[in-house]
Amino acid sequence: MTEQGPYLDFPGRLVIVGFGCIGQGLLPLILRHIGISPAMITVVVADADGRPIAEQAGVRLLTHALRPENYRQVLEPLVGRGDFLLNVAVDVSSLALIDFARNRGALYLDTSIEPWRGAYDDPTLALAARTNYALREQALALRTDSPRQPTAVLTHGANPGLVSHFVKRALLDLAAETGLAVATPRQRTDWAELARRLGVRTIHIAERDTQVSELRRQAGEFVNTWSVDGFISEAQQPCELGWGSHERRLPRDGCHHMAAAMAAARKQPSICSRRDAPRACAAGRQAAVPFTDSPSRMANRSRSPTT
């Protein structure tokens, strides 16, 4: 990687919530590419495992496990108007931090929409309420039309996140190579229209894991190279499928949500045998129905752009 000076200066304070592999890998990039003093950066994390890295970089590290009852008390002295709250933690509610940052006049960014610890396997919640779809709808409900609100960017990690920039660049490159005259899209619908004009039906995103472990994988062994906490918590969620607007049929035990856009299909739960899936689907019936039960949904899907 070539050395690149700051792309911009940031005069406010930066608070990083969470300091696992992502946070520790991100910190040197922030210091390299953003004009900010290490003294203006504070890391808030549940344990002190990353303290040597924080101290080496000259940033302050505070050990606080954020919970519904204490996150405001911990963060209020650290975050104010014009500051930046960067959330790369697990088991900390993104919705709570988004609302907190907005009320404090601070910018916000995270890599995924996370609930508080225990929400993924909370037996008091319906299956539909424990899905990523439900979390996304709750996050969208926080949007306002006021232009004076600070920006919050959600689920902007590698995928989803960075790949969206790659896709947009690819669409513009395709337009240029095919001789399609087009202005750079400004809104989501403009990007969808550009994809439609280019005849794009499917966008396939592949990832390659280049991590090298000190422990050799054994025969017949599955090795998780992602977050251990994230892997366990998300394994407790109902399974979800993103269904394209051109796809007309779901699996036999698939359901779709009745609320909002009804855009997600679910085969649930995620860690059980397939014979349990119909029973689980029935358990969430108050919020999801088989796709074929909704003719109006089929009509809506046939009119939506394919992107």
C-alpha atoms as a PDB file:
ATOM      1  CA  MET A   1       0.000   0.000   0.000  1.00  0.00           C
ATOM      2  CA  THR A   2       1.393   3.391  -0.934  1.00  0.00           C
ATOM      3  CA  GLU A   3       1.619   6.103   1.698  1.00  0.00           C
ATOM      4  CA  GLN A   4      -1.138   8.656   1.189  1.00  0.00           C
ATOM      5  CA  GLY A   5      -1.482  11.832   3.192  1.00  0.00           C
ATOM      6  CA  PRO A   6      -4.753  13.082   4.666  1.00  0.00           C
ATOM      7  CA  TYR A   7      -7.676  13.348   2.282  1.00  0.00           C
ATOM      8  CA  LEU A   8      -9.393  15.807   4.599  1.00  0.00           C
ATOM      9  CA  ASP A   9      -9.111  17.447   7.987  1.00  0.00           C
ATOM     10  CA  PHE A  10     -11.612  16.695  10.731  1.00  0.00           C
ATOM     11  CA  PRO A  11     -11.669  19.319  13.496  1.00  0.00           C
ATOM     12  CA  GLY A  12     -14.016  17.505  15.877  1.00  0.00           C
ATOM     13  CA  ARG A  13     -13.614  14.609  18.265  1.00  0.00           C
ATOM     14  CA  LEU A  14     -13.807  10.999  17.072  1.00  0.00           C
ATOM     15  CA  VAL A  15     -15.243   8.339  19.370  1.00  0.00           C
ATOM     16  CA  ILE A  16     -14.789   4.717  18.299  1.00  0.00           C
ATOM     17  CA  VAL A  17     -17.135   2.232  19.990  1.00  0.00           C
ATOM     18  CA  GLY A  18     -15.631  -1.245  19.792  1.00  0.00           C
ATOM     19  CA  PHE A  19     -11.993  -2.133  19.207  1.00  0.00           C
ATOM     20  CA  GLY A  20     -11.767  -5.667  17.875  1.00  0.00           C
ATOM     21  CA  CYS A  21     -10.097  -6.648  14.609  1.00  0.00           C
ATOM     22  CA  ILE A  22     -12.003  -4.006  12.639  1.00  0.00           C
ATOM     23  CA  GLY A  23     -11.381  -1.171  15.066  1.00  0.00           C
ATOM     24  CA  GLN A  24      -7.711  -2.019  15.512  1.00  0.00           C
ATOM     25  CA  GLY A  25      -7.189  -2.297  11.762  1.00  0.00           C
ATOM     26  CA  LEU A  26      -9.118   0.892  11.094  1.00  0.00           C
ATOM     27  CA  LEU A  27      -7.269   3.141  13.541  1.00  0.00           C
ATOM     28  CA  PRO A  28      -3.977   3.442  11.588  1.00  0.00           C
ATOM     29  CA  LEU A  29      -5.938   4.112   8.396  1.00  0.00           C
ATOM     30  CA  ILE A  30      -7.841   6.925  10.106  1.00  0.00           C
ATOM     31  CA  LEU A  31      -4.599   8.477  11.316  1.00  0.00           C
ATOM     32  CA  ARG A  32      -3.048   8.106   7.861  1.00  0.00           C
ATOM     33  CA  HIS A  33      -5.905   9.384   5.717  1.00  0.00           C
ATOM     34  CA  ILE A  34      -7.739  11.870   7.961  1.00  0.00           C
ATOM     35  CA  GLY A  35      -6.196  14.989   9.431  1.00  0.00           C
ATOM     36  CA  ILE A  36      -6.994  14.444  13.105  1.00  0.00           C
ATOM     37  CA  SER A  37      -4.804  14.480  16.186  1.00  0.00           C
ATOM     38  CA  PRO A  38      -4.626  11.208  18.159  1.00  0.00           C
ATOM     39  CA  ALA A  39      -5.506  13.282  21.218  1.00  0.00           C
ATOM     40  CA  MET A  40      -8.942  13.899  19.648  1.00  0.00           C
ATOM     41  CA  ILE A  41      -9.702  10.160  19.383  1.00  0.00           C
ATOM     42  CA  THR A  42     -11.263   8.089  22.165  1.00  0.00           C
ATOM     43  CA  VAL A  43     -11.934   4.356  22.027  1.00  0.00           C
ATOM     44  CA  VAL A  44     -14.765   2.930  24.146  1.00  0.00           C
ATOM     45  CA  VAL A  45     -14.601  -0.844  24.439  1.00  0.00           C
ATOM     46  CA  ALA A  46     -15.839  -3.580  26.757  1.00  0.00           C
ATOM     47  CA  ASP A  47     -12.366  -4.987  27.489  1.00  0.00           C
ATOM     48  CA  ALA A  48      -8.781  -3.804  27.425  1.00  0.00           C
ATOM     49  CA  ASP A  49      -7.397  -6.313  24.915  1.00  0.00           C
ATOM     50  CA  GLY A  50      -6.562  -3.571  22.421  1.00  0.00           C
ATOM     51  CA  ARG A  51      -4.973  -1.172  24.899  1.00  0.00           C
ATOM     52  CA  PRO A  52      -1.370  -1.694  23.649  1.00  0.00           C
ATOM     53  CA  ILE A  53      -2.419  -0.768  20.110  1.00  0.00           C
ATOM     54  CA  ALA A  54      -4.341   2.285  21.309  1.00  0.00           C
ATOM     55  CA  GLU A  55      -1.425   3.441  23.456  1.00  0.00           C
ATOM     56  CA  GLN A  56       1.023   2.936  20.608  1.00  0.00           C
ATOM     57  CA  ALA A  57      -1.143   5.181  18.435  1.00  0.00           C
ATOM     58  CA  GLY A  58      -1.486   7.765  21.199  1.00  0.00           C
ATOM     59  CA  VAL A  59      -5.269   7.525  21.571  1.00  0.00           C
ATOM     60  CA  ARG A  60      -7.256   7.183  24.779  1.00  0.00           C
ATOM     61  CA  LEU A  61      -8.993   3.871  25.532  1.00  0.00           C
ATOM     62  CA  LEU A  62     -11.852   3.641  28.036  1.00  0.00           C
ATOM     63  CA  THR A  63     -13.158   0.259  29.184  1.00  0.00           C
ATOM     64  CA  HIS A  64     -16.929   0.434  29.440  1.00  0.00           C
ATOM     65  CA  ALA A  65     -19.348  -2.269  28.332  1.00  0.00           C
ATOM     66  CA  LEU A  66     -22.158  -0.154  26.887  1.00  0.00           C
ATOM     67  CA  ARG A  67     -25.619  -1.191  28.044  1.00  0.00           C
ATOM     68  CA  PRO A  68     -29.090   0.377  27.753  1.00  0.00           C
ATOM     69  CA  GLU A  69     -28.760   1.759  31.263  1.00  0.00           C
ATOM     70  CA  ASN A  70     -25.312   3.377  30.922  1.00  0.00           C
ATOM     71  CA  TYR A  71     -24.484   4.282  27.314  1.00  0.00           C
ATOM     72  CA  ARG A  72     -25.709   7.873  27.584  1.00  0.00           C
ATOM     73  CA  GLN A  73     -23.791   8.470  30.782  1.00  0.00           C
ATOM     74  CA  VAL A  74     -20.608   7.085  29.215  1.00  0.00           C
ATOM     75  CA  LEU A  75     -20.868   8.846  25.853  1.00  0.00           C
ATOM     76  CA  GLU A  76     -22.312  12.261  26.722  1.00  0.00           C
ATOM     77  CA  PRO A  77     -18.967  13.691  27.951  1.00  0.00           C
ATOM     78  CA  LEU A  78     -17.276  12.400  24.799  1.00  0.00           C
ATOM     79  CA  VAL A  79     -19.679  13.295  21.982  1.00  0.00           C
ATOM     80  CA  GLY A  80     -21.049  16.717  21.103  1.00  0.00           C
ATOM     81  CA  ARG A  81     -22.008  18.860  18.136  1.00  0.00           C
ATOM     82  CA  GLY A  82     -19.624  18.457  15.229  1.00  0.00           C
ATOM     83  CA  ASP A  83     -18.069  15.252  16.553  1.00  0.00           C
ATOM     84  CA  PHE A  84     -18.087  11.785  14.957  1.00  0.00           C
ATOM     85  CA  LEU A  85     -19.380   8.558  16.524  1.00  0.00           C
ATOM     86  CA  LEU A  86     -17.950   5.478  14.790  1.00  0.00           C
ATOM     87  CA  ASN A  87     -19.615   2.229  15.855  1.00  0.00           C
ATOM     88  CA  VAL A  88     -17.716  -0.997  15.125  1.00  0.00           C
ATOM     89  CA  ALA A  89     -18.963  -2.937  18.152  1.00  0.00           C
ATOM     90  CA  VAL A  90     -21.194  -5.973  18.606  1.00  0.00           C
ATOM     91  CA  ASP A  91     -24.014  -6.261  21.138  1.00  0.00           C
ATOM     92  CA  VAL A  92     -24.458  -2.479  21.217  1.00  0.00           C
ATOM     93  CA  SER A  93     -27.710  -1.120  19.783  1.00  0.00           C
ATOM     94  CA  SER A  94     -27.104   0.794  16.568  1.00  0.00           C
ATOM     95  CA  LEU A  95     -30.559   2.350  16.863  1.00  0.00           C
ATOM     96  CA  ALA A  96     -29.739   3.733  20.304  1.00  0.00           C
ATOM     97  CA  LEU A  97     -26.423   5.174  19.125  1.00  0.00           C
ATOM     98  CA  ILE A  98     -27.940   6.663  15.962  1.00  0.00           C
ATOM     99  CA  ASP A  99     -30.575   8.461  17.999  1.00  0.00           C
ATOM    100  CA  PHE A 100     -27.983   9.527  20.562  1.00  0.00           C
ATOM    101  CA  ALA A 101     -25.620  10.935  17.914  1.00  0.00           C
ATOM    102  CA  ARG A 102     -28.438  12.818  16.201  1.00  0.00           C
ATOM    103  CA  ASN A 103     -29.540  14.430  19.452  1.00  0.00           C
ATOM    104  CA  ARG A 104     -25.948  15.407  20.208  1.00  0.00           C
ATOM    105  CA  GLY A 105     -25.434  16.883  16.729  1.00  0.00           C
ATOM    106  CA  ALA A 106     -22.757  14.330  15.836  1.00  0.00           C
ATOM    107  CA  LEU A 107     -22.066  12.362  12.674  1.00  0.00           C
ATOM    108  CA  TYR A 108     -22.511   8.591  12.829  1.00  0.00           C
ATOM    109  CA  LEU A 109     -21.285   5.544  10.910  1.00  0.00           C
ATOM    110  CA  ASP A 110     -21.463   1.798  11.566  1.00  0.00           C
ATOM    111  CA  THR A 111     -20.700  -1.452   9.764  1.00  0.00           C
ATOM    112  CA  SER A 112     -23.909  -3.290  10.665  1.00  0.00           C
ATOM    113  CA  ILE A 113     -27.198  -2.691  12.448  1.00  0.00           C
ATOM    114  CA  GLU A 114     -26.769  -4.364  15.819  1.00  0.00           C
ATOM    115  CA  PRO A 115     -29.287  -4.876  18.642  1.00  0.00           C
ATOM    116  CA  TRP A 116     -28.495  -4.958  22.331  1.00  0.00           C
ATOM    117  CA  ARG A 117     -27.015  -8.207  23.648  1.00  0.00           C
ATOM    118  CA  GLY A 118     -29.594 -10.982  23.931  1.00  0.00           C
ATOM    119  CA  ALA A 119     -32.027  -9.692  21.300  1.00  0.00           C
ATOM    120  CA  TYR A 120     -31.162 -12.330  18.691  1.00  0.00           C
ATOM    121  CA  ASP A 121     -32.360 -15.192  20.894  1.00  0.00           C
ATOM    122  CA  ASP A 122     -34.914 -13.348  23.028  1.00  0.00           C
ATOM    123  CA  PRO A 123     -37.821 -15.823  23.453  1.00  0.00           C
ATOM    124  CA  THR A 124     -40.246 -12.957  24.113  1.00  0.00           C
ATOM    125  CA  LEU A 125     -39.760 -11.616  20.577  1.00  0.00           C
ATOM    126  CA  ALA A 126     -41.488 -13.061  17.528  1.00  0.00           C
ATOM    127  CA  LEU A 127     -39.164 -14.577  14.933  1.00  0.00           C
ATOM    128  CA  ALA A 128     -39.941 -11.758  12.529  1.00  0.00           C
ATOM    129  CA  ALA A 129     -38.871  -9.179  15.121  1.00  0.00           C
ATOM    130  CA  ARG A 130     -35.409 -10.768  15.412  1.00  0.00           C
ATOM    131  CA  THR A 131     -34.515 -10.478  11.730  1.00  0.00           C
ATOM    132  CA  ASN A 132     -32.172  -8.048   9.994  1.00  0.00           C
ATOM    133  CA  TYR A 133     -35.234  -6.917   8.060  1.00  0.00           C
ATOM    134  CA  ALA A 134     -36.894  -5.772  11.295  1.00  0.00           C
ATOM    135  CA  LEU A 135     -33.721  -4.010  12.439  1.00  0.00           C
ATOM    136  CA  ARG A 136     -33.462  -2.203   9.113  1.00  0.00           C
ATOM    137  CA  GLU A 137     -37.086  -1.063   9.225  1.00  0.00           C
ATOM    138  CA  GLN A 138     -36.568   0.277  12.742  1.00  0.00           C
ATOM    139  CA  ALA A 139     -33.506   2.178  11.553  1.00  0.00           C
ATOM    140  CA  LEU A 140     -35.371   3.636   8.574  1.00  0.00           C
ATOM    141  CA  ALA A 141     -38.083   4.829  10.951  1.00  0.00           C
ATOM    142  CA  LEU A 142     -35.494   7.167  12.490  1.00  0.00           C
ATOM    143  CA  ARG A 143     -35.180   9.143   9.265  1.00  0.00           C
ATOM    144  CA  THR A 144     -36.453  12.707   9.201  1.00  0.00           C
ATOM    145  CA  ASP A 145     -36.983  15.192   6.384  1.00  0.00           C
ATOM    146  CA  SER A 146     -35.081  17.919   8.202  1.00  0.00           C
ATOM    147  CA  PRO A 147     -31.977  19.024   6.248  1.00  0.00           C
ATOM    148  CA  ARG A 148     -30.403  20.250   9.488  1.00  0.00           C
ATOM    149  CA  GLN A 149     -29.916  16.794  10.983  1.00  0.00           C
ATOM    150  CA  PRO A 150     -26.389  15.316  11.083  1.00  0.00           C
ATOM    151  CA  THR A 151     -25.710  12.463   8.686  1.00  0.00           C
ATOM    152  CA  ALA A 152     -25.867   8.838   9.810  1.00  0.00           C
ATOM    153  CA  VAL A 153     -24.433   6.178   7.473  1.00  0.00           C
ATOM    154  CA  LEU A 154     -25.515   2.627   8.299  1.00  0.00           C
ATOM    155  CA  THR A 155     -24.073  -0.821   7.486  1.00  0.00           C
ATOM    156  CA  HIS A 156     -21.108   0.713   5.705  1.00  0.00           C
ATOM    157  CA  GLY A 157     -18.439  -1.918   6.149  1.00  0.00           C
ATOM    158  CA  ALA A 158     -16.926  -3.903   3.291  1.00  0.00           C
ATOM    159  CA  ASN A 159     -20.048  -5.812   2.213  1.00  0.00           C
ATOM    160  CA  PRO A 160     -22.477  -4.158   2.506  1.00  0.00           C
ATOM    161  CA  GLY A 161     -20.777  -0.793   2.282  1.00  0.00           C
ATOM    162  CA  LEU A 162     -17.644  -0.460   0.196  1.00  0.00           C
ATOM    163  CA  VAL A 163     -19.029  -2.794  -2.457  1.00  0.00           C
ATOM    164  CA  SER A 164     -21.767  -0.237  -3.195  1.00  0.00           C
ATOM    165  CA  HIS A 165     -19.096   2.219  -4.347  1.00  0.00           C
ATOM    166  CA  PHE A 166     -17.562  -0.484  -6.541  1.00  0.00           C
ATOM    167  CA  VAL A 167     -20.954  -1.287  -8.087  1.00  0.00           C
ATOM    168  CA  LYS A 168     -21.643   2.363  -8.851  1.00  0.00           C
ATOM    169  CA  ARG A 169     -18.211   2.740 -10.428  1.00  0.00           C
ATOM    170  CA  ALA A 170     -18.820  -0.399 -12.488  1.00  0.00           C
ATOM    171  CA  LEU A 171     -22.168   0.918 -13.751  1.00  0.00           C
ATOM    172  CA  LEU A 172     -20.552   4.171 -14.864  1.00  0.00           C
ATOM    173  CA  ASP A 173     -17.724   2.237 -16.536  1.00  0.00           C
ATOM    174  CA  LEU A 174     -20.263   0.044 -18.359  1.00  0.00           C
ATOM    175  CA  ALA A 175     -22.115   3.124 -19.545  1.00  0.00           C
ATOM    176  CA  ALA A 176     -18.899   4.655 -20.875  1.00  0.00           C
ATOM    177  CA  GLU A 177     -17.765   1.459 -22.590  1.00  0.00           C
ATOM    178  CA  THR A 178     -21.144   0.917 -24.264  1.00  0.00           C
ATOM    179  CA  GLY A 179     -21.460   4.529 -25.385  1.00  0.00           C
ATOM    180  CA  LEU A 180     -24.474   5.276 -23.189  1.00  0.00           C
ATOM    181  CA  ALA A 181     -24.585   8.986 -22.450  1.00  0.00           C
ATOM    182  CA  VAL A 182     -25.522   9.448 -18.812  1.00  0.00           C
ATOM    183  CA  ALA A 183     -25.019  11.983 -16.068  1.00  0.00           C
ATOM    184  CA  THR A 184     -23.726  10.718 -12.742  1.00  0.00           C
ATOM    185  CA  PRO A 185     -26.812   9.574 -10.800  1.00  0.00           C
ATOM    186  CA  ARG A 186     -27.687  11.562  -7.689  1.00  0.00           C
ATOM    187  CA  GLN A 187     -30.425   9.426  -6.125  1.00  0.00           C
ATOM    188  CA  ARG A 188     -31.106   5.732  -5.529  1.00  0.00           C
ATOM    189  CA  THR A 189     -33.756   5.642  -8.240  1.00  0.00           C
ATOM    190  CA  ASP A 190     -31.269   7.136 -10.696  1.00  0.00           C
ATOM    191  CA  TRP A 191     -28.847   4.260 -10.094  1.00  0.00           C
ATOM    192  CA  ALA A 192     -31.657   1.741 -10.534  1.00  0.00           C
ATOM    193  CA  GLU A 193     -32.670   3.403 -13.793  1.00  0.00           C
ATOM    194  CA  LEU A 194     -29.075   3.330 -15.040  1.00  0.00           C
ATOM    195  CA  ALA A 195     -28.850  -0.408 -14.293  1.00  0.00           C
ATOM    196  CA  ARG A 196     -32.141  -0.958 -16.127  1.00  0.00           C
ATOM    197  CA  ARG A 197     -30.926   0.967 -19.181  1.00  0.00           C
ATOM    198  CA  LEU A 198     -27.731  -1.082 -19.217  1.00  0.00           C
ATOM    199  CA  GLY A 199     -29.714  -4.319 -19.056  1.00  0.00           C
ATOM    200  CA  VAL A 200     -28.170  -5.397 -15.759  1.00  0.00           C
ATOM    201  CA  ARG A 201     -30.158  -8.245 -14.204  1.00  0.00           C
ATOM    202  CA  THR A 202     -27.784  -9.704 -11.637  1.00  0.00           C
ATOM    203  CA  ILE A 203     -24.868  -8.248  -9.691  1.00  0.00           C
ATOM    204  CA  HIS A 204     -22.629 -10.941  -8.199  1.00  0.00           C
ATOM    205  CA  ILE A 205     -20.215  -9.942  -5.456  1.00  0.00           C
ATOM    206  CA  ALA A 206     -17.475 -12.412  -4.525  1.00  0.00           C
ATOM    207  CA  GLU A 207     -15.083 -12.157  -1.615  1.00  0.00           C
ATOM    208  CA  ARG A 208     -11.735 -13.826  -1.012  1.00  0.00           C
ATOM    209  CA  ASP A 209     -10.447 -14.268   2.519  1.00  0.00           C
ATOM    210  CA  THR A 210      -6.672 -13.771   2.607  1.00  0.00           C
ATOM    211  CA  GLN A 211      -6.242 -14.306   6.349  1.00  0.00           C
ATOM    212  CA  VAL A 212      -3.578 -16.803   7.386  1.00  0.00           C
ATOM    213  CA  SER A 213      -4.006 -18.585  10.705  1.00  0.00           C
ATOM    214  CA  GLU A 214      -1.286 -20.037  12.894  1.00  0.00           C
ATOM    215  CA  LEU A 215      -3.472 -23.123  13.336  1.00  0.00           C
ATOM    216  CA  ARG A 216      -3.824 -25.409  10.346  1.00  0.00           C
ATOM    217  CA  ARG A 217      -7.382 -26.368   9.436  1.00  0.00           C
ATOM    218  CA  GLN A 218      -8.054 -30.030  10.061  1.00  0.00           C
ATOM    219  CA  ALA A 219      -9.836 -32.363   7.639  1.00  0.00           C
ATOM    220  CA  GLY A 220     -13.595 -32.066   7.977  1.00  0.00           C
ATOM    221  CA  GLU A 221     -13.291 -28.919  10.083  1.00  0.00           C
ATOM    222  CA  PHE A 222     -15.069 -25.623   9.401  1.00  0.00           C
ATOM    223  CA  VAL A 223     -13.028 -22.594  10.436  1.00  0.00           C
ATOM    224  CA  ASN A 224     -14.737 -19.275  11.088  1.00  0.00           C
ATOM    225  CA  THR A 225     -12.338 -16.458  10.209  1.00  0.00           C
ATOM    226  CA  TRP A 226     -14.932 -13.804  10.985  1.00  0.00           C
ATOM    227  CA  SER A 227     -15.934 -12.366  14.357  1.00  0.00           C
ATOM    228  CA  VAL A 228     -16.584 -15.146  16.868  1.00  0.00           C
ATOM    229  CA  ASP A 229     -19.172 -13.070  18.738  1.00  0.00           C
ATOM    230  CA  GLY A 230     -20.820 -12.029  15.486  1.00  0.00           C
ATOM    231  CA  PHE A 231     -20.911 -15.572  14.156  1.00  0.00           C
ATOM    232  CA  ILE A 232     -22.569 -16.952  17.291  1.00  0.00           C
ATOM    233  CA  SER A 233     -25.113 -14.152  17.649  1.00  0.00           C
ATOM    234  CA  GLU A 234     -26.183 -14.144  14.010  1.00  0.00           C
ATOM    235  CA  ALA A 235     -26.431 -17.939  13.991  1.00  0.00           C
ATOM    236  CA  GLN A 236     -29.250 -17.522  16.489  1.00  0.00           C
ATOM    237  CA  GLN A 237     -31.276 -15.338  14.121  1.00  0.00           C
ATOM    238  CA  PRO A 238     -33.941 -16.649  11.747  1.00  0.00           C
ATOM    239  CA  CYS A 239     -32.569 -17.264   8.252  1.00  0.00           C
ATOM    240  CA  GLU A 240     -33.316 -14.558   5.701  1.00  0.00           C
ATOM    241  CA  LEU A 241     -33.168 -14.455   1.920  1.00  0.00           C
ATOM    242  CA  GLY A 242     -32.950 -11.338  -0.213  1.00  0.00           C
ATOM    243  CA  TRP A 243     -35.367 -11.963  -3.084  1.00  0.00           C
ATOM    244  CA  GLY A 244     -34.991 -10.167  -6.418  1.00  0.00           C
ATOM    245  CA  SER A 245     -37.903  -8.259  -7.907  1.00  0.00           C
ATOM    246  CA  HIS A 246     -37.798 -10.552 -10.972  1.00  0.00           C
ATOM    247  CA  GLU A 247     -38.063 -13.761  -8.909  1.00  0.00           C
ATOM    248  CA  ARG A 248     -41.588 -15.094  -8.661  1.00  0.00           C
ATOM    249  CA  ARG A 249     -41.378 -18.119  -6.363  1.00  0.00           C
ATOM    250  CA  LEU A 250     -40.085 -18.818  -2.886  1.00  0.00           C
ATOM    251  CA  PRO A 251     -38.982 -22.102  -1.310  1.00  0.00           C
ATOM    252  CA  ARG A 252     -41.752 -24.306   0.065  1.00  0.00           C
ATOM    253  CA  ASP A 253     -41.287 -23.084   3.633  1.00  0.00           C
ATOM    254  CA  GLY A 254     -40.468 -19.467   2.743  1.00  0.00           C
ATOM    255  CA  CYS A 255     -42.385 -16.501   4.135  1.00  0.00           C
ATOM    256  CA  HIS A 256     -42.376 -12.770   3.585  1.00  0.00           C
ATOM    257  CA  HIS A 257     -43.011 -10.003   6.061  1.00  0.00           C
ATOM    258  CA  MET A 258     -46.350  -8.236   6.211  1.00  0.00           C
ATOM    259  CA  ALA A 259     -44.885  -4.933   7.398  1.00  0.00           C
ATOM    260  CA  ALA A 260     -43.284  -2.128   5.384  1.00  0.00           C
ATOM    261  CA  ALA A 261     -41.797  -3.097   1.996  1.00  0.00           C
ATOM    262  CA  MET A 262     -42.345  -6.841   2.518  1.00  0.00           C
ATOM    263  CA  ALA A 263     -39.074  -7.340   0.698  1.00  0.00           C
ATOM    264  CA  ALA A 264     -37.420 -10.081   2.739  1.00  0.00           C
ATOM    265  CA  ALA A 265     -38.106 -13.784   2.656  1.00  0.00           C
ATOM    266  CA  ARG A 266     -37.424 -15.936   5.689  1.00  0.00           C
ATOM    267  CA  LYS A 267     -36.692 -19.608   6.198  1.00  0.00           C
ATOM    268  CA  GLN A 268     -36.407 -19.998   9.915  1.00  0.00           C
ATOM    269  CA  PRO A 269     -34.973 -20.714  12.351  1.00  0.00           C
ATOM    270  CA  SER A 270     -31.358 -20.730  11.269  1.00  0.00           C
ATOM    271  CA  ILE A 271     -29.952 -23.356  13.630  1.00  0.00           C
ATOM    272  CA  CYS A 272     -32.495 -26.171  13.575  1.00  0.00           C
ATOM    273  CA  SER A 273     -33.408 -29.045  11.311  1.00  0.00           C
ATOM    274  CA  ARG A 274     -35.471 -28.379   8.203  1.00  0.00           C
ATOM    275  CA  ARG A 275     -38.354 -30.376   9.673  1.00  0.00           C
ATOM    276  CA  ASP A 276     -38.686 -27.623  12.291  1.00  0.00           C
ATOM    277  CA  ALA A 277     -38.943 -24.830   9.721  1.00  0.00           C
ATOM    278  CA  PRO A 278     -42.707 -25.031   8.993  1.00  0.00           C
ATOM    279  CA  ARG A 279     -43.429 -24.941  12.726  1.00  0.00           C
ATOM    280  CA  ALA A 280     -41.147 -21.945  13.139  1.00  0.00           C
ATOM    281  CA  CYS A 281     -42.776 -20.223  10.196  1.00  0.00           C
ATOM    282  CA  ALA A 282     -46.152 -20.709  11.822  1.00  0.00           C
ATOM    283  CA  ALA A 283     -44.795 -19.210  15.033  1.00  0.00           C
ATOM    284  CA  GLY A 284     -44.028 -15.997  13.210  1.00  0.00           C
ATOM    285  CA  ARG A 285     -47.251 -16.000  11.234  1.00  0.00           C
ATOM    286  CA  GLN A 286     -48.454 -12.779  12.810  1.00  0.00           C
ATOM    287  CA  ALA A 287     -45.722 -10.949  10.954  1.00  0.00           C
ATOM    288  CA  ALA A 288     -45.102 -13.138   7.932  1.00  0.00           C
ATOM    289  CA  VAL A 289     -47.173 -15.105   5.455  1.00  0.00           C
ATOM    290  CA  PRO A 290     -46.329 -17.413   2.557  1.00  0.00           C
ATOM    291  CA  PHE A 291     -45.463 -15.401  -0.514  1.00  0.00           C
ATOM    292  CA  THR A 292     -48.294 -16.882  -2.563  1.00  0.00           C
ATOM    293  CA  ASP A 293     -50.853 -15.569  -0.041  1.00  0.00           C
ATOM    294  CA  SER A 294     -50.315 -12.004  -1.232  1.00  0.00           C
ATOM    295  CA  PRO A 295     -51.401 -11.329  -4.839  1.00  0.00           C
ATOM    296  CA  SER A 296     -50.947  -7.590  -4.359  1.00  0.00           C
ATOM    297  CA  ARG A 297     -47.322  -8.187  -3.413  1.00  0.00           C
ATOM    298  CA  MET A 298     -46.787 -10.044  -6.688  1.00  0.00           C
ATOM    299  CA  ALA A 299     -48.241  -7.090  -8.554  1.00  0.00           C
ATOM    300  CA  ASN A 300     -45.972  -4.686  -6.713  1.00  0.00           C
ATOM    301  CA  ARG A 301     -42.926  -6.829  -7.445  1.00  0.00           C
ATOM    302  CA  SER A 302     -43.660  -6.925 -11.153  1.00  0.00           C
ATOM    303  CA  ARG A 303     -43.535  -3.130 -11.274  1.00  0.00           C
ATOM    304  CA  SER A 304     -40.353  -2.648  -9.259  1.00  0.00           C
ATOM    305  CA  PRO A 305     -37.017  -2.053 -11.015  1.00  0.00           C
ATOM    306  CA  THR A 306     -34.652  -4.992 -11.224  1.00  0.00           C
ATOM    307  CA  THR A 307     -31.340  -3.983  -9.661  1.00  0.00           C
END
